[in-house]
Amino acid sequence: MHQAPTTLQVDGAELRERRKAAGLEIDDLANAAGISRSYLSHLETGSRTRMRPARHKRLFDALTAAERAQPDKE
């Protein structure tokens, strides 16, 4: 039987790029995802590279929503 992973890998540099491109400050994304600013900072700097699936989903759902809310750049 297949078990879901207990933690998921996070690319901190990509996460930071996406956050900045979405026009979000670190506090904004942390609040939207329901995680602490320091936890998000650790992910972005690479001092933490893995996170639990529920937190991962909240973080990337919040980031994706912010990206979609950005006006198209032409």
N, C-alpha and C. Protein backbone atom coordinates (compact mmCIF):
# COMPACT_ATOMS: atom_id res chain seq x y z
N MET A 1 0.83 -1.17 0.00
CA MET A 1 0.00 0.00 0.00
C MET A 1 0.89 1.24 0.00
N HIS A 2 0.53 2.24 -0.80
CA HIS A 2 1.31 3.47 -0.94
C HIS A 2 0.96 4.45 0.16
N GLN A 3 1.99 4.99 0.82
CA GLN A 3 1.77 5.99 1.85
C GLN A 3 2.18 7.35 1.33
N ALA A 4 1.42 8.36 1.71
CA ALA A 4 1.77 9.73 1.35
C ALA A 4 3.05 10.12 2.08
N PRO A 5 3.86 10.98 1.45
CA PRO A 5 5.09 11.40 2.11
C PRO A 5 4.78 12.20 3.37
N THR A 6 5.64 12.08 4.38
CA THR A 6 5.42 12.81 5.62
C THR A 6 5.91 14.25 5.50
N THR A 7 6.85 14.52 4.60
CA THR A 7 7.29 15.88 4.34
C THR A 7 7.54 16.06 2.85
N LEU A 8 7.49 17.30 2.40
CA LEU A 8 7.71 17.62 0.99
C LEU A 8 8.88 18.58 0.85
N GLN A 9 9.66 18.41 -0.20
CA GLN A 9 10.82 19.25 -0.48
C GLN A 9 10.36 20.63 -0.95
N VAL A 10 11.07 21.67 -0.53
CA VAL A 10 10.77 23.04 -0.93
C VAL A 10 12.04 23.67 -1.49
N ASP A 11 11.93 24.28 -2.66
CA ASP A 11 13.04 25.03 -3.25
C ASP A 11 12.91 26.47 -2.78
N GLY A 12 13.71 26.84 -1.80
CA GLY A 12 13.59 28.15 -1.16
C GLY A 12 13.83 29.31 -2.11
N ALA A 13 14.82 29.18 -2.99
CA ALA A 13 15.11 30.26 -3.93
C ALA A 13 13.94 30.49 -4.87
N GLU A 14 13.34 29.42 -5.36
CA GLU A 14 12.19 29.55 -6.25
C GLU A 14 10.99 30.15 -5.50
N LEU A 15 10.80 29.70 -4.27
CA LEU A 15 9.72 30.23 -3.44
C LEU A 15 9.86 31.74 -3.28
N ARG A 16 11.06 32.20 -2.96
CA ARG A 16 11.30 33.64 -2.78
C ARG A 16 11.05 34.40 -4.07
N GLU A 17 11.54 33.87 -5.19
CA GLU A 17 11.32 34.53 -6.49
C GLU A 17 9.83 34.67 -6.79
N ARG A 18 9.09 33.59 -6.58
CA ARG A 18 7.65 33.62 -6.86
C ARG A 18 6.94 34.60 -5.94
N ARG A 19 7.32 34.64 -4.66
CA ARG A 19 6.70 35.57 -3.72
C ARG A 19 6.93 37.00 -4.15
N LYS A 20 8.16 37.32 -4.49
CA LYS A 20 8.49 38.68 -4.91
C LYS A 20 7.79 39.05 -6.21
N ALA A 21 7.75 38.12 -7.16
CA ALA A 21 7.08 38.37 -8.44
C ALA A 21 5.58 38.61 -8.25
N ALA A 22 5.02 37.99 -7.22
CA ALA A 22 3.60 38.18 -6.92
C ALA A 22 3.35 39.47 -6.16
N GLY A 23 4.43 40.18 -5.83
CA GLY A 23 4.29 41.46 -5.13
C GLY A 23 3.99 41.33 -3.65
N LEU A 24 4.38 40.21 -3.06
CA LEU A 24 4.09 39.97 -1.65
C LEU A 24 5.32 40.19 -0.78
N GLU A 25 5.09 40.79 0.37
CA GLU A 25 6.13 40.84 1.41
C GLU A 25 6.09 39.50 2.13
N ILE A 26 7.17 39.16 2.80
CA ILE A 26 7.24 37.87 3.49
C ILE A 26 6.12 37.74 4.54
N ASP A 27 5.82 38.84 5.24
CA ASP A 27 4.75 38.80 6.24
C ASP A 27 3.39 38.52 5.60
N ASP A 28 3.16 39.10 4.43
CA ASP A 28 1.87 38.91 3.74
C ASP A 28 1.65 37.45 3.39
N LEU A 29 2.67 36.82 2.81
CA LEU A 29 2.52 35.41 2.42
C LEU A 29 2.42 34.52 3.64
N ALA A 30 3.22 34.78 4.64
CA ALA A 30 3.16 33.97 5.86
C ALA A 30 1.77 34.03 6.49
N ASN A 31 1.22 35.23 6.58
CA ASN A 31 -0.13 35.38 7.15
C ASN A 31 -1.18 34.67 6.30
N ALA A 32 -1.09 34.82 4.99
CA ALA A 32 -2.07 34.19 4.10
C ALA A 32 -2.00 32.66 4.19
N ALA A 33 -0.81 32.13 4.44
CA ALA A 33 -0.64 30.68 4.51
C ALA A 33 -0.83 30.13 5.92
N GLY A 34 -0.95 31.02 6.90
CA GLY A 34 -1.14 30.56 8.27
C GLY A 34 0.13 29.98 8.89
N ILE A 35 1.29 30.50 8.47
CA ILE A 35 2.56 30.07 9.05
C ILE A 35 3.28 31.30 9.57
N SER A 36 4.30 31.09 10.38
CA SER A 36 5.02 32.23 10.93
C SER A 36 5.99 32.81 9.90
N ARG A 37 6.30 34.08 10.10
CA ARG A 37 7.25 34.76 9.23
C ARG A 37 8.61 34.07 9.30
N SER A 38 9.02 33.67 10.51
CA SER A 38 10.33 33.04 10.65
C SER A 38 10.38 31.68 9.95
N TYR A 39 9.29 30.93 10.00
CA TYR A 39 9.23 29.64 9.31
C TYR A 39 9.39 29.85 7.80
N LEU A 40 8.67 30.82 7.25
CA LEU A 40 8.78 31.12 5.82
C LEU A 40 10.19 31.60 5.48
N SER A 41 10.76 32.40 6.33
CA SER A 41 12.13 32.87 6.11
C SER A 41 13.11 31.71 6.08
N HIS A 42 12.95 30.77 6.98
CA HIS A 42 13.83 29.59 7.01
C HIS A 42 13.69 28.78 5.72
N LEU A 43 12.48 28.68 5.21
CA LEU A 43 12.27 27.97 3.95
C LEU A 43 12.98 28.69 2.80
N GLU A 44 12.79 30.01 2.74
CA GLU A 44 13.37 30.78 1.64
C GLU A 44 14.90 30.79 1.66
N THR A 45 15.49 30.80 2.84
CA THR A 45 16.95 30.84 2.94
C THR A 45 17.58 29.46 2.83
N GLY A 46 16.76 28.42 2.90
CA GLY A 46 17.29 27.06 2.76
C GLY A 46 17.71 26.42 4.07
N SER A 47 17.51 27.12 5.19
CA SER A 47 17.85 26.48 6.46
C SER A 47 16.82 25.40 6.82
N ARG A 48 15.65 25.50 6.22
CA ARG A 48 14.66 24.41 6.25
C ARG A 48 14.35 24.09 4.79
N THR A 49 14.31 22.83 4.46
CA THR A 49 14.07 22.45 3.07
C THR A 49 12.86 21.54 2.89
N ARG A 50 12.23 21.17 3.98
CA ARG A 50 11.08 20.27 3.90
C ARG A 50 9.96 20.79 4.79
N MET A 51 8.74 20.47 4.40
CA MET A 51 7.59 20.85 5.22
C MET A 51 6.48 19.82 5.08
N ARG A 52 5.62 19.81 6.07
CA ARG A 52 4.52 18.84 6.07
C ARG A 52 3.52 19.19 4.96
N PRO A 53 2.85 18.17 4.42
CA PRO A 53 1.95 18.39 3.29
C PRO A 53 0.85 19.43 3.51
N ALA A 54 0.23 19.47 4.68
CA ALA A 54 -0.86 20.43 4.91
C ALA A 54 -0.33 21.86 4.85
N ARG A 55 0.81 22.12 5.47
CA ARG A 55 1.41 23.45 5.42
C ARG A 55 1.86 23.78 4.01
N HIS A 56 2.44 22.81 3.34
CA HIS A 56 2.89 23.00 1.96
C HIS A 56 1.72 23.43 1.08
N LYS A 57 0.60 22.74 1.22
CA LYS A 57 -0.59 23.07 0.42
C LYS A 57 -1.08 24.48 0.72
N ARG A 58 -1.18 24.84 2.00
CA ARG A 58 -1.62 26.20 2.35
C ARG A 58 -0.69 27.26 1.79
N LEU A 59 0.61 27.02 1.90
CA LEU A 59 1.59 27.99 1.40
C LEU A 59 1.48 28.17 -0.10
N PHE A 60 1.46 27.08 -0.84
CA PHE A 60 1.44 27.20 -2.29
C PHE A 60 0.06 27.58 -2.83
N ASP A 61 -1.00 27.27 -2.11
CA ASP A 61 -2.32 27.77 -2.49
C ASP A 61 -2.36 29.30 -2.35
N ALA A 62 -1.82 29.82 -1.24
CA ALA A 62 -1.80 31.27 -1.02
C ALA A 62 -0.91 31.96 -2.06
N LEU A 63 0.22 31.36 -2.37
CA LEU A 63 1.12 31.93 -3.36
C LEU A 63 0.49 31.93 -4.75
N THR A 64 -0.13 30.85 -5.13
CA THR A 64 -0.80 30.76 -6.43
C THR A 64 -1.93 31.77 -6.54
N ALA A 65 -2.71 31.94 -5.48
CA ALA A 65 -3.80 32.93 -5.49
C ALA A 65 -3.24 34.33 -5.69
N ALA A 66 -2.14 34.65 -5.03
CA ALA A 66 -1.52 35.97 -5.18
C ALA A 66 -0.99 36.16 -6.60
N GLU A 67 -0.41 35.12 -7.16
CA GLU A 67 0.10 35.21 -8.54
C GLU A 67 -1.03 35.45 -9.53
N ARG A 68 -2.15 34.78 -9.32
CA ARG A 68 -3.30 34.94 -10.23
C ARG A 68 -3.92 36.32 -10.11
N ALA A 69 -3.79 36.94 -8.95
CA ALA A 69 -4.37 38.26 -8.72
C ALA A 69 -3.53 39.38 -9.35
N GLN A 70 -2.30 39.06 -9.77
CA GLN A 70 -1.43 40.05 -10.38
C GLN A 70 -1.96 40.42 -11.76
N PRO A 71 -1.93 41.71 -12.10
CA PRO A 71 -2.33 42.11 -13.47
C PRO A 71 -1.33 41.56 -14.48
N ASP A 72 -1.82 41.23 -15.65
CA ASP A 72 -0.94 40.75 -16.71
C ASP A 72 0.06 41.82 -17.07
N LYS A 73 1.31 41.42 -17.24
CA LYS A 73 2.37 42.36 -17.63
C LYS A 73 2.62 42.22 -19.11
N GLU A 74 2.33 43.27 -19.84
CA GLU A 74 2.55 43.24 -21.30
C GLU A 74 3.38 44.40 -21.72
